[in-house]
Amino acid sequence: MATLAGKPRQRAWKPKNRTGCKTCKIRKVKCDEEKPHCKRCTTTGRTCDGYDPNFRPPPSIAPTTSQNARSTVHGYLSPQTNHQIIRSPSPIYLAPALHLNTIEERESFEFFTSHAVSSLRGFLESSFWQREILQAAHRDPAIQHCVIALGAMHRRFFEGKGSHINEEDMSDKYLQFALRQSNQAIQDLIKKAGQRGKMAKKDKVTLMTCSILFSSMSCLQGHQKDALGHLRSGIRMLNEMDSEGDDKAEDHPVDLESLRSLFVGLDMQARSTMPSSQSQGWVSRPRTKAPSILLRAELSMSSLLAMLRYTESLLNHIHWFFQYIVSRPPEEEPIVESEYRDLINRFRQGAAVLETLSNMPSSSTDEFAQPLTALQLLHCQIEYFLRSPRRDLEEKFNFLSQSDFMDDLFDEPFDLSAQFIKMFELATRLLPISTNAAPVFTTTIGPTSALWLVAMRAPSTCAALRKRAVSLMLSHPRREGFWDGMIAGQIAQEALRLEQENTQAELGLSAAPTRDLIVPDDLRILVVAVSFVEDNDRKAKVEYSNIRDMKEGRPGSVQWIIW
């Protein structure tokens, strides 16, 4: 890509601040040194952490341009793999110099700041992971222990080869250390809860923050049921605060709206992995503020983050909507149609903004290319959900099956095969090219859920595309929140096998054909229900039901999976 030649931009030199407050030192700005709290912090809504002559922020790392994207932490190069830890070019804005007591604590925190953060945040920047959680770790012992535990656990995950930590690895020294740190965090939280009758808002924010960290650790271990439990607790506490009108500003580094954004995204993931029957007992959706997107938005990281919040909130509402109407009677069709129209209007508004941002000249630069691709992939999935509802819902609510109704609400006719080809291509752009890529764990949604949709929902005429999606899930060890890519690939692979097997039996073929059969619509797997075993964190029952099974009221095929 051609670039304009000229003198490179240089940041104006400013004298180093040596005697200011800790917050200004971390931010690398000049402090006015007002006592007891500097005005530089208090007038901008920040928390001044006071003065400590021995406190020093971590040294800046300024690699050369050629080294910036490929600098490695040699101390974390696993002897068992060829994976190198790649530092993210995106900055970690606040990495306080914690007073850590042991080498294990220092190494785990260093791994968290130098590697885990860039993975956890996903394809867009995150104030929670890159700034707020690190400052909170400096002030709160429970959060500090959780961060160190997550760093140690993420380190062991990175050195593995799968999309979760294996059971035989649980005796690993990093994991044992992580579990001890987790226990210390729990003890600190118990003390905090027992210190006063009514819990202060800042303590609730700490608990919600730790629920996200505990949920992330459970996901890394493959403990899906525990991870969902931690998420449920965090969302429930947020909903309780909202219902009490508890929006008074408190002294806490983690912003409540950052937590809300994370909970919405994680709730969206959780809902997308559970069948409607299970969603009825799930926690209420976290509230979101009225979405506001500027139609003339400039392309910047802040506008992309606003777009992400808008899109995730919409997709979460869509998952809830389709799960909710399963139990609604056909007589409520006017109410269902009204809500459906509202979702489409929100989709079209977001689509217009995303198109504007994607067509801007700087959209193909390294800074914005991947974030825009991730947003386009989410948008592509939303359009599919809205324009191609489940067959059983179309039969229940007639307006969903009327093509004229759909065409009137959208600008262009819908080509299902083309939609899935586009979805697949966008997903592949977010995957590493190398076949020996290190495992990835992130808390945000990525290509895995899209590949699952391609494998499970693309037309039968796209058999090769569906198989390629399965292959990519199985060959890329990715864990995106509640989406375990390799487990999803195994389940999708079995679903495709069952469809072919049932079609073969339907046609009376005694031998397997040399090429894939076109599967009748009523033999396509429509619902995959995963039920976790009570006494085993790594075993689940998977039930595959097609439309014919559901119409005849019979159970689907059952598979037990262990990971």
Protein backbone atom coordinates (compact mmCIF):
# COMPACT_ATOMS: atom_id res chain seq x y z
CA MET A 1 0.00 0.00 0.00
CA ALA A 2 1.46 3.36 -1.02
CA THR A 3 2.21 5.88 1.69
CA LEU A 4 3.13 9.55 1.63
CA ALA A 5 6.82 10.22 2.15
CA GLY A 6 7.92 12.88 4.56
CA LYS A 7 9.35 13.56 7.95
CA PRO A 8 7.91 11.17 10.55
CA ARG A 9 5.73 12.66 13.24
CA GLN A 10 7.44 13.10 16.58
CA ARG A 11 5.86 13.57 19.96
CA ALA A 12 6.74 16.83 21.68
CA TRP A 13 9.29 16.32 24.43
CA LYS A 14 8.12 16.90 27.97
CA PRO A 15 10.17 16.78 31.16
CA LYS A 16 9.86 13.59 33.17
CA ASN A 17 7.73 13.81 36.26
CA ARG A 18 9.61 12.47 39.28
CA THR A 19 7.74 13.75 42.33
CA GLY A 20 4.06 13.68 41.31
CA CYS A 21 1.23 11.42 42.45
CA LYS A 22 1.17 7.76 41.47
CA THR A 23 -1.69 8.20 39.01
CA CYS A 24 0.07 10.98 37.08
CA LYS A 25 3.29 8.94 37.04
CA ILE A 26 1.42 6.01 35.54
CA ARG A 27 -0.27 8.28 32.99
CA LYS A 28 3.09 9.95 32.28
CA VAL A 29 1.71 13.47 32.65
CA LYS A 30 2.95 16.41 34.71
CA CYS A 31 1.39 16.50 38.17
CA ASP A 32 0.48 19.78 39.92
CA GLU A 33 1.41 18.06 43.23
CA GLU A 34 -1.56 19.51 45.10
CA LYS A 35 -2.06 17.81 48.48
CA PRO A 36 -3.71 15.57 49.50
CA HIS A 37 -5.08 14.93 45.95
CA CYS A 38 -3.76 16.58 42.81
CA LYS A 39 -6.17 18.68 40.73
CA ARG A 40 -4.84 17.13 37.52
CA CYS A 41 -6.65 13.95 38.58
CA THR A 42 -9.69 15.23 40.45
CA THR A 43 -10.73 17.81 37.83
CA THR A 44 -10.79 15.13 35.11
CA GLY A 45 -12.82 12.64 37.12
CA ARG A 46 -9.88 10.37 37.89
CA THR A 47 -8.86 8.93 41.23
CA CYS A 48 -5.65 10.32 42.69
CA ASP A 49 -3.77 7.45 44.34
CA GLY A 50 -1.64 9.76 46.47
CA TYR A 51 2.10 10.24 46.76
CA ASP A 52 4.83 7.67 47.29
CA PRO A 53 8.47 8.74 46.74
CA ASN A 54 9.51 5.13 46.15
CA PHE A 55 6.85 4.45 43.53
CA ARG A 56 8.03 4.16 39.91
CA PRO A 57 5.88 3.28 36.91
CA PRO A 58 7.16 0.44 34.71
CA PRO A 59 9.78 1.46 32.14
CA SER A 60 8.53 2.20 28.63
CA ILE A 61 9.30 -0.38 25.97
CA ALA A 62 10.03 1.29 22.66
CA PRO A 63 11.21 -1.28 20.12
CA THR A 64 12.23 -0.25 16.63
CA THR A 65 9.65 -0.32 13.87
CA SER A 66 10.87 -3.64 12.52
CA GLN A 67 10.77 -5.21 15.98
CA ASN A 68 7.54 -3.73 17.25
CA ALA A 69 5.16 -6.44 16.05
CA ARG A 70 7.55 -9.35 16.62
CA SER A 71 9.35 -8.66 19.88
CA THR A 72 9.22 -11.65 22.21
CA VAL A 73 9.54 -12.36 25.87
CA HIS A 74 12.22 -15.05 25.77
CA GLY A 75 11.57 -16.06 29.35
CA TYR A 76 8.15 -17.38 28.31
CA LEU A 77 9.25 -19.44 25.32
CA SER A 78 7.95 -22.92 26.00
CA PRO A 79 10.47 -25.73 25.63
CA GLN A 80 7.62 -27.99 24.42
CA THR A 81 6.33 -25.77 21.60
CA ASN A 82 7.55 -23.39 18.95
CA HIS A 83 5.13 -20.70 20.07
CA GLN A 84 6.59 -17.30 20.76
CA ILE A 85 4.79 -14.68 22.75
CA ILE A 86 4.08 -11.76 20.49
CA ARG A 87 3.75 -8.36 22.10
CA SER A 88 0.75 -6.42 20.89
CA PRO A 89 1.48 -3.09 19.21
CA SER A 90 -1.53 -1.69 21.12
CA PRO A 91 -0.41 -0.05 24.35
CA ILE A 92 -1.25 -1.09 27.87
CA TYR A 93 -2.00 2.33 29.26
CA LEU A 94 -1.66 1.64 32.97
CA ALA A 95 0.58 -1.10 34.29
CA PRO A 96 1.26 -0.17 37.91
CA ALA A 97 4.47 -1.35 39.51
CA LEU A 98 2.96 -3.68 42.10
CA HIS A 99 4.87 -4.64 45.21
CA LEU A 100 4.85 -8.39 44.53
CA ASN A 101 6.48 -10.75 46.98
CA THR A 102 7.57 -13.76 44.93
CA ILE A 103 9.12 -14.55 41.56
CA GLU A 104 5.98 -16.49 40.58
CA GLU A 105 3.79 -13.46 41.24
CA ARG A 106 6.05 -11.13 39.29
CA GLU A 107 6.36 -13.52 36.32
CA SER A 108 2.61 -14.15 36.18
CA PHE A 109 1.77 -10.45 36.36
CA GLU A 110 4.39 -9.71 33.68
CA PHE A 111 2.87 -12.40 31.45
CA PHE A 112 -0.59 -10.92 32.00
CA THR A 113 0.48 -7.40 31.04
CA SER A 114 2.83 -8.33 28.18
CA HIS A 115 0.75 -11.03 26.49
CA ALA A 116 -2.57 -12.00 28.04
CA VAL A 117 -4.10 -8.51 27.87
CA SER A 118 -3.66 -8.23 24.11
CA SER A 119 -5.35 -11.61 23.69
CA LEU A 120 -8.16 -11.07 26.20
CA ARG A 121 -9.27 -7.77 24.68
CA GLY A 122 -9.91 -9.26 21.24
CA PHE A 123 -9.69 -7.30 18.00
CA LEU A 124 -10.54 -3.90 19.48
CA GLU A 125 -9.02 -1.94 22.32
CA SER A 126 -10.50 -2.38 25.79
CA SER A 127 -10.25 0.15 28.61
CA PHE A 128 -11.15 -2.64 31.05
CA TRP A 129 -8.31 -5.00 30.11
CA GLN A 130 -5.70 -2.45 29.08
CA ARG A 131 -6.12 0.11 31.83
CA GLU A 132 -8.80 -0.28 34.49
CA ILE A 133 -8.10 -3.83 35.65
CA LEU A 134 -4.39 -3.05 36.05
CA GLN A 135 -5.02 0.05 38.13
CA ALA A 136 -7.58 -1.90 40.19
CA ALA A 137 -4.98 -4.62 40.82
CA HIS A 138 -2.75 -1.93 42.31
CA ARG A 139 -5.45 -0.98 44.83
CA ASP A 140 -7.48 -4.12 45.61
CA PRO A 141 -5.87 -7.37 46.90
CA ALA A 142 -8.68 -9.62 45.59
CA ILE A 143 -8.41 -8.25 42.05
CA GLN A 144 -4.62 -8.43 42.27
CA HIS A 145 -4.75 -12.14 43.17
CA CYS A 146 -7.24 -12.78 40.36
CA VAL A 147 -5.08 -11.00 37.79
CA ILE A 148 -1.98 -12.94 38.87
CA ALA A 149 -3.95 -16.20 38.80
CA LEU A 150 -5.31 -15.48 35.33
CA GLY A 151 -1.82 -14.60 34.13
CA ALA A 152 -0.41 -17.92 35.39
CA MET A 153 -3.31 -19.89 33.93
CA HIS A 154 -3.14 -18.10 30.60
CA ARG A 155 0.59 -18.85 30.47
CA ARG A 156 -0.05 -22.59 30.83
CA PHE A 157 -2.85 -22.43 28.24
CA PHE A 158 -0.56 -20.65 25.79
CA GLU A 159 2.06 -23.39 26.10
CA GLY A 160 -0.48 -26.08 25.24
CA LYS A 161 -1.98 -27.18 21.95
CA GLY A 162 -5.72 -27.21 22.62
CA SER A 163 -8.61 -24.79 23.06
CA HIS A 164 -8.63 -25.41 26.82
CA ILE A 165 -6.30 -26.74 29.50
CA ASN A 166 -6.34 -30.53 29.65
CA GLU A 167 -7.22 -32.46 32.80
CA GLU A 168 -3.76 -34.05 32.99
CA ASP A 169 -2.21 -30.58 33.10
CA MET A 170 -3.97 -29.66 36.35
CA SER A 171 -0.91 -30.71 38.38
CA ASP A 172 1.22 -28.20 36.44
CA LYS A 173 3.09 -25.76 38.70
CA TYR A 174 1.57 -22.71 37.00
CA LEU A 175 -1.94 -24.03 37.48
CA GLN A 176 -1.36 -24.98 41.09
CA PHE A 177 0.02 -21.51 41.69
CA ALA A 178 -3.01 -20.00 39.91
CA LEU A 179 -5.40 -22.00 42.10
CA ARG A 180 -3.64 -20.81 45.26
CA GLN A 181 -3.94 -17.22 44.06
CA SER A 182 -7.64 -17.78 43.29
CA ASN A 183 -8.21 -19.09 46.81
CA GLN A 184 -6.52 -16.01 48.25
CA ALA A 185 -8.81 -13.81 46.14
CA ILE A 186 -11.86 -15.69 47.44
CA GLN A 187 -10.71 -15.22 51.04
CA ASP A 188 -10.26 -11.47 50.43
CA LEU A 189 -13.75 -11.23 48.92
CA ILE A 190 -15.27 -13.11 51.86
CA LYS A 191 -13.64 -10.67 54.27
CA LYS A 192 -14.88 -7.74 52.22
CA ALA A 193 -18.46 -9.08 52.22
CA GLY A 194 -18.38 -9.64 55.97
CA GLN A 195 -17.03 -6.24 56.97
CA ARG A 196 -20.31 -4.35 56.71
CA GLY A 197 -23.99 -5.06 56.53
CA LYS A 198 -24.92 -3.37 53.27
CA MET A 199 -22.22 -3.68 50.62
CA ALA A 200 -20.87 -0.43 49.19
CA LYS A 201 -21.02 0.13 45.46
CA LYS A 202 -17.24 -0.01 45.09
CA ASP A 203 -17.24 -3.46 46.72
CA LYS A 204 -19.97 -4.57 44.32
CA VAL A 205 -17.83 -3.34 41.43
CA THR A 206 -14.93 -5.40 42.82
CA LEU A 207 -17.15 -8.48 43.03
CA MET A 208 -18.41 -8.02 39.47
CA THR A 209 -14.86 -7.50 38.24
CA CYS A 210 -13.73 -10.70 39.96
CA SER A 211 -16.71 -12.59 38.51
CA ILE A 212 -15.40 -11.81 35.01
CA LEU A 213 -11.88 -12.89 36.01
CA PHE A 214 -13.13 -16.11 37.65
CA SER A 215 -15.32 -16.84 34.64
CA SER A 216 -12.32 -16.37 32.34
CA MET A 217 -10.25 -18.79 34.43
CA SER A 218 -13.04 -21.39 34.31
CA CYS A 219 -13.24 -21.01 30.53
CA LEU A 220 -9.48 -21.60 30.24
CA GLN A 221 -9.86 -24.82 32.23
CA GLY A 222 -12.78 -25.99 30.10
CA HIS A 223 -15.18 -25.71 33.07
CA GLN A 224 -18.10 -24.31 31.11
CA LYS A 225 -20.68 -24.83 33.84
CA ASP A 226 -18.59 -22.97 36.44
CA ALA A 227 -17.86 -20.17 33.97
CA LEU A 228 -21.59 -19.70 33.36
CA GLY A 229 -22.19 -19.64 37.12
CA HIS A 230 -19.68 -16.82 37.63
CA LEU A 231 -21.18 -14.86 34.74
CA ARG A 232 -24.70 -15.34 36.10
CA SER A 233 -23.62 -13.96 39.50
CA GLY A 234 -22.00 -10.90 37.95
CA ILE A 235 -24.96 -10.05 35.71
CA ARG A 236 -27.41 -10.58 38.57
CA MET A 237 -25.49 -8.11 40.75
CA LEU A 238 -25.41 -5.57 37.90
CA ASN A 239 -29.17 -5.97 37.39
CA GLU A 240 -29.76 -5.50 41.13
CA MET A 241 -27.74 -2.28 41.11
CA ASP A 242 -29.74 -1.03 38.12
CA SER A 243 -33.07 -1.86 39.77
CA GLU A 244 -32.00 0.00 42.92
CA GLY A 245 -31.00 3.03 40.88
CA ASP A 246 -27.51 2.76 42.35
CA ASP A 247 -25.66 4.96 39.87
CA LYS A 248 -23.81 7.21 42.29
CA ALA A 249 -20.16 7.67 41.34
CA GLU A 250 -17.79 5.70 43.57
CA ASP A 251 -14.05 5.59 44.05
CA HIS A 252 -13.14 2.57 41.89
CA PRO A 253 -10.73 2.27 38.93
CA VAL A 254 -13.10 -0.04 37.02
CA ASP A 255 -15.83 1.92 35.29
CA LEU A 256 -19.34 0.51 35.66
CA GLU A 257 -20.06 1.00 31.96
CA SER A 258 -16.94 -1.01 31.07
CA LEU A 259 -18.32 -3.86 33.15
CA ARG A 260 -21.74 -3.46 31.54
CA SER A 261 -20.22 -3.70 28.07
CA LEU A 262 -18.32 -6.86 29.01
CA PHE A 263 -21.38 -8.46 30.59
CA VAL A 264 -23.49 -7.73 27.49
CA GLY A 265 -20.88 -9.37 25.26
CA LEU A 266 -20.48 -12.41 27.51
CA ASP A 267 -24.25 -12.75 27.94
CA MET A 268 -24.54 -12.71 24.15
CA GLN A 269 -22.02 -15.56 23.91
CA ALA A 270 -23.73 -17.58 26.64
CA ARG A 271 -27.16 -17.23 25.02
CA SER A 272 -25.78 -18.20 21.62
CA THR A 273 -24.52 -21.52 23.04
CA MET A 274 -27.69 -22.57 24.89
CA PRO A 275 -30.99 -23.87 23.47
CA SER A 276 -34.25 -22.04 24.12
CA SER A 277 -35.28 -24.54 26.79
CA GLN A 278 -32.22 -23.66 28.89
CA SER A 279 -32.41 -19.93 28.26
CA GLN A 280 -35.76 -19.71 30.06
CA GLY A 281 -33.97 -20.23 33.38
CA TRP A 282 -31.08 -17.93 32.56
CA VAL A 283 -30.53 -14.54 34.17
CA SER A 284 -32.25 -11.44 32.75
CA ARG A 285 -30.40 -9.53 30.06
CA PRO A 286 -28.16 -6.75 31.42
CA ARG A 287 -29.63 -3.36 30.68
CA THR A 288 -27.93 -1.11 28.18
CA LYS A 289 -28.15 2.59 27.71
CA ALA A 290 -30.09 3.91 24.73
CA PRO A 291 -27.73 3.26 21.79
CA SER A 292 -26.41 6.35 20.12
CA ILE A 293 -24.34 6.24 16.95
CA LEU A 294 -23.40 9.36 15.02
CA LEU A 295 -24.39 8.98 11.39
CA ARG A 296 -21.34 11.06 10.45
CA ALA A 297 -18.95 9.24 12.74
CA GLU A 298 -15.24 9.61 12.10
CA LEU A 299 -13.14 6.48 11.80
CA SER A 300 -11.37 6.15 15.14
CA MET A 301 -10.97 3.52 17.81
CA SER A 302 -13.60 5.28 19.94
CA SER A 303 -16.16 5.18 17.10
CA LEU A 304 -15.39 1.48 16.49
CA LEU A 305 -15.83 0.73 20.20
CA ALA A 306 -19.19 2.53 20.12
CA MET A 307 -20.11 0.44 17.08
CA LEU A 308 -19.09 -2.73 18.90
CA ARG A 309 -21.24 -1.89 21.93
CA TYR A 310 -24.18 -1.13 19.64
CA THR A 311 -23.75 -4.35 17.64
CA GLU A 312 -23.25 -6.65 20.64
CA SER A 313 -26.28 -5.17 22.39
CA LEU A 314 -28.37 -5.74 19.27
CA LEU A 315 -27.16 -9.32 18.75
CA ASN A 316 -27.79 -10.13 22.41
CA HIS A 317 -31.34 -8.77 22.06
CA ILE A 318 -31.84 -10.90 18.92
CA HIS A 319 -30.73 -14.08 20.71
CA TRP A 320 -33.10 -13.27 23.57
CA PHE A 321 -35.95 -12.46 21.16
CA PHE A 322 -35.84 -15.73 19.24
CA GLN A 323 -35.48 -17.74 22.45
CA TYR A 324 -38.37 -15.84 24.03
CA ILE A 325 -40.87 -16.27 21.18
CA VAL A 326 -40.44 -20.05 21.20
CA SER A 327 -42.74 -20.10 24.24
CA ARG A 328 -45.13 -17.40 22.98
CA PRO A 329 -48.52 -18.45 21.51
CA PRO A 330 -49.34 -17.70 17.83
CA GLU A 331 -52.03 -15.26 19.01
CA GLU A 332 -49.26 -12.85 20.03
CA GLU A 333 -48.09 -12.47 16.45
CA PRO A 334 -48.80 -8.68 16.29
CA ILE A 335 -46.61 -8.10 19.36
CA VAL A 336 -43.88 -10.37 18.01
CA GLU A 337 -43.97 -8.62 14.62
CA SER A 338 -43.68 -5.19 16.24
CA GLU A 339 -40.58 -6.24 18.21
CA TYR A 340 -39.12 -7.85 15.10
CA ARG A 341 -39.54 -4.64 13.10
CA ASP A 342 -37.78 -2.71 15.86
CA LEU A 343 -34.80 -5.08 15.69
CA ILE A 344 -34.60 -4.66 11.93
CA ASN A 345 -34.67 -0.87 12.24
CA ARG A 346 -31.80 -1.00 14.72
CA PHE A 347 -29.92 -3.31 12.37
CA ARG A 348 -30.36 -0.95 9.42
CA GLN A 349 -29.21 2.06 11.44
CA GLY A 350 -26.05 0.22 12.51
CA ALA A 351 -25.48 -1.08 8.98
CA ALA A 352 -25.52 2.46 7.58
CA VAL A 353 -22.89 3.63 10.08
CA LEU A 354 -20.69 0.57 9.58
CA GLU A 355 -20.79 1.02 5.81
CA THR A 356 -19.76 4.67 6.21
CA LEU A 357 -16.83 3.72 8.45
CA SER A 358 -15.77 0.86 6.15
CA ASN A 359 -15.65 3.14 3.10
CA MET A 360 -13.38 5.74 4.67
CA PRO A 361 -9.87 6.01 3.15
CA SER A 362 -8.08 4.89 6.33
CA SER A 363 -10.25 1.78 6.78
CA SER A 364 -7.61 -0.50 5.23
CA THR A 365 -4.76 0.62 7.47
CA ASP A 366 -3.28 -1.80 10.00
CA GLU A 367 -4.94 0.05 12.86
CA PHE A 368 -8.50 -0.37 11.59
CA ALA A 369 -8.54 -3.34 9.18
CA GLN A 370 -9.04 -6.14 11.71
CA PRO A 371 -11.45 -4.25 14.00
CA LEU A 372 -13.62 -3.41 10.98
CA THR A 373 -13.52 -7.01 9.78
CA ALA A 374 -14.64 -8.21 13.23
CA LEU A 375 -17.54 -5.73 13.18
CA GLN A 376 -18.50 -6.71 9.64
CA LEU A 377 -18.54 -10.36 10.70
CA LEU A 378 -20.90 -9.59 13.60
CA HIS A 379 -23.08 -7.57 11.23
CA CYS A 380 -23.14 -10.48 8.76
CA GLN A 381 -24.34 -12.88 11.47
CA ILE A 382 -27.04 -10.45 12.61
CA GLU A 383 -28.38 -10.13 9.08
CA TYR A 384 -28.58 -13.91 8.78
CA PHE A 385 -30.47 -14.28 12.07
CA LEU A 386 -32.98 -11.59 11.10
CA ARG A 387 -33.53 -12.71 7.50
CA SER A 388 -33.52 -16.47 7.99
CA PRO A 389 -35.36 -17.42 11.21
CA ARG A 390 -35.62 -21.04 12.31
CA ARG A 391 -38.09 -23.14 10.34
CA ASP A 392 -40.24 -23.98 13.36
CA LEU A 393 -40.63 -20.26 14.17
CA GLU A 394 -41.61 -19.50 10.58
CA GLU A 395 -44.39 -22.05 10.84
CA LYS A 396 -45.56 -20.59 14.15
CA PHE A 397 -45.57 -16.93 13.11
CA ASN A 398 -46.66 -16.57 9.48
CA PHE A 399 -45.10 -13.15 8.85
CA LEU A 400 -41.60 -14.64 9.27
CA SER A 401 -42.10 -16.90 6.24
CA GLN A 402 -43.52 -14.23 3.89
CA SER A 403 -40.85 -13.24 1.39
CA ASP A 404 -42.68 -10.04 0.40
CA PHE A 405 -42.70 -8.95 4.06
CA MET A 406 -38.95 -9.55 4.33
CA ASP A 407 -38.16 -7.81 1.04
CA ASP A 408 -40.09 -4.72 2.12
CA LEU A 409 -37.98 -4.44 5.30
CA PHE A 410 -34.60 -4.87 3.59
CA ASP A 411 -33.03 -3.03 0.69
CA GLU A 412 -31.84 -6.06 -1.26
CA PRO A 413 -33.04 -9.64 -1.89
CA PHE A 414 -31.42 -12.26 0.30
CA ASP A 415 -29.04 -14.86 -1.17
CA LEU A 416 -28.46 -17.41 1.61
CA SER A 417 -25.49 -19.13 -0.03
CA ALA A 418 -23.78 -15.82 -0.78
CA GLN A 419 -24.35 -14.72 2.83
CA PHE A 420 -22.54 -17.78 4.19
CA ILE A 421 -19.70 -17.45 1.69
CA LYS A 422 -19.25 -13.85 2.84
CA MET A 423 -19.42 -14.95 6.49
CA PHE A 424 -16.78 -17.63 5.91
CA GLU A 425 -14.43 -15.24 4.10
CA LEU A 426 -14.69 -12.63 6.86
CA ALA A 427 -14.04 -15.28 9.52
CA THR A 428 -10.93 -16.58 7.77
CA ARG A 429 -9.46 -13.05 7.70
CA LEU A 430 -9.44 -13.08 11.49
CA LEU A 431 -7.59 -16.39 11.75
CA PRO A 432 -3.78 -16.67 11.75
CA ILE A 433 -2.21 -17.90 8.52
CA SER A 434 0.21 -20.25 10.29
CA THR A 435 -0.99 -23.81 10.86
CA ASN A 436 1.18 -24.00 13.99
CA ALA A 437 -0.39 -20.97 15.65
CA ALA A 438 -0.44 -20.76 19.43
CA PRO A 439 -3.76 -21.26 21.25
CA VAL A 440 -5.86 -18.11 21.57
CA PHE A 441 -8.10 -17.16 24.47
CA THR A 442 -10.18 -14.02 24.30
CA THR A 443 -13.26 -12.80 26.15
CA THR A 444 -14.82 -11.32 23.00
CA ILE A 445 -16.65 -12.98 20.14
CA GLY A 446 -14.55 -13.77 17.05
CA PRO A 447 -14.58 -16.10 14.04
CA THR A 448 -15.58 -19.28 15.91
CA SER A 449 -19.30 -18.57 16.29
CA ALA A 450 -19.45 -17.56 12.61
CA LEU A 451 -17.73 -20.77 11.50
CA TRP A 452 -20.24 -22.69 13.62
CA LEU A 453 -23.10 -20.97 11.81
CA VAL A 454 -21.57 -21.80 8.42
CA ALA A 455 -21.16 -25.45 9.39
CA MET A 456 -24.64 -25.81 10.90
CA ARG A 457 -26.83 -23.47 8.84
CA ALA A 458 -25.37 -23.12 5.35
CA PRO A 459 -27.50 -24.80 2.63
CA SER A 460 -26.89 -28.48 1.88
CA THR A 461 -25.67 -27.44 -1.56
CA CYS A 462 -22.71 -25.79 0.22
CA ALA A 463 -21.38 -29.10 1.59
CA ALA A 464 -17.75 -28.26 0.82
CA LEU A 465 -18.05 -24.88 2.56
CA ARG A 466 -19.61 -26.49 5.62
CA LYS A 467 -16.78 -29.03 5.84
CA ARG A 468 -14.16 -26.31 5.50
CA ALA A 469 -15.73 -24.45 8.40
CA VAL A 470 -15.56 -27.60 10.53
CA SER A 471 -11.95 -28.15 9.53
CA LEU A 472 -10.98 -24.60 10.54
CA MET A 473 -12.59 -24.98 13.95
CA LEU A 474 -10.76 -28.26 14.56
CA SER A 475 -7.38 -26.97 13.37
CA HIS A 476 -7.34 -23.65 15.24
CA PRO A 477 -7.15 -23.96 19.04
CA ARG A 478 -9.31 -20.97 19.96
CA ARG A 479 -11.39 -20.21 23.01
CA GLU A 480 -13.60 -17.15 22.55
CA GLY A 481 -15.33 -16.70 25.88
CA PHE A 482 -17.94 -19.46 26.00
CA TRP A 483 -17.11 -20.68 22.49
CA ASP A 484 -14.59 -23.54 22.54
CA GLY A 485 -13.59 -23.79 18.87
CA MET A 486 -12.32 -27.36 18.87
CA ILE A 487 -15.27 -28.70 20.86
CA ALA A 488 -17.66 -26.81 18.57
CA GLY A 489 -15.87 -28.37 15.60
CA GLN A 490 -16.34 -31.88 17.01
CA ILE A 491 -20.06 -31.29 17.59
CA ALA A 492 -20.56 -29.78 14.12
CA GLN A 493 -18.69 -32.68 12.55
CA GLU A 494 -21.04 -35.15 14.25
CA ALA A 495 -24.09 -33.13 13.13
CA LEU A 496 -22.97 -33.31 9.49
CA ARG A 497 -22.37 -37.05 9.84
CA LEU A 498 -25.88 -37.60 11.27
CA GLU A 499 -27.47 -35.60 8.46
CA GLN A 500 -25.73 -37.71 5.82
CA GLU A 501 -26.52 -40.95 7.66
CA ASN A 502 -30.24 -40.09 7.98
CA THR A 503 -30.45 -39.00 4.34
CA GLN A 504 -28.80 -42.22 3.24
CA ALA A 505 -31.36 -44.22 5.23
CA GLU A 506 -34.21 -42.09 3.83
CA LEU A 507 -33.12 -42.90 0.28
CA GLY A 508 -32.68 -46.60 1.09
CA LEU A 509 -29.00 -46.63 0.18
CA SER A 510 -27.17 -49.63 1.61
CA ALA A 511 -23.68 -48.23 1.07
CA ALA A 512 -22.31 -44.79 1.73
CA PRO A 513 -22.19 -42.69 -1.47
CA THR A 514 -18.92 -41.41 -2.85
CA ARG A 515 -20.01 -37.79 -2.42
CA ASP A 516 -22.23 -35.80 -0.07
CA LEU A 517 -25.99 -36.11 -0.45
CA ILE A 518 -28.35 -33.14 -0.53
CA VAL A 519 -30.02 -33.30 2.88
CA PRO A 520 -33.82 -32.72 2.94
CA ASP A 521 -34.85 -29.72 5.05
CA ASP A 522 -36.64 -31.81 7.66
CA LEU A 523 -33.51 -33.93 8.21
CA ARG A 524 -31.22 -30.96 8.84
CA ILE A 525 -30.08 -30.71 12.46
CA LEU A 526 -31.99 -27.73 13.85
CA VAL A 527 -31.27 -27.83 17.60
CA VAL A 528 -28.10 -28.89 19.42
CA ALA A 529 -28.73 -29.10 23.17
CA VAL A 530 -25.70 -29.47 25.45
CA SER A 531 -26.37 -30.61 29.04
CA PHE A 532 -23.56 -30.65 31.58
CA VAL A 533 -23.10 -33.52 34.00
CA GLU A 534 -23.48 -32.59 37.67
CA ASP A 535 -20.43 -34.41 39.02
CA ASN A 536 -18.06 -33.96 36.07
CA ASP A 537 -16.86 -30.57 34.81
CA ARG A 538 -15.54 -32.06 31.57
CA LYS A 539 -18.39 -34.25 30.39
CA ALA A 540 -21.59 -33.27 28.61
CA LYS A 541 -24.56 -34.82 26.84
CA VAL A 542 -25.19 -33.48 23.33
CA GLU A 543 -28.61 -34.05 21.76
CA TYR A 544 -29.05 -33.44 18.02
CA SER A 545 -32.65 -32.83 16.88
CA ASN A 546 -33.84 -32.29 13.32
CA ILE A 547 -37.18 -30.79 12.26
CA ARG A 548 -38.76 -34.23 11.88
CA ASP A 549 -37.74 -35.19 15.42
CA MET A 550 -39.30 -32.01 16.78
CA LYS A 551 -42.55 -32.38 14.84
CA GLU A 552 -43.00 -35.99 15.96
CA GLY A 553 -42.02 -35.18 19.54
CA ARG A 554 -39.24 -37.74 19.74
CA PRO A 555 -35.78 -37.28 21.25
CA GLY A 556 -32.88 -36.65 18.95
CA SER A 557 -29.63 -38.54 18.61
CA VAL A 558 -27.40 -38.40 21.69
CA GLN A 559 -23.63 -38.13 21.90
CA TRP A 560 -21.52 -37.95 25.05
CA ILE A 561 -18.42 -35.81 24.84
CA ILE A 562 -15.47 -35.61 27.23
CA TRP A 563 -12.74 -32.98 27.06
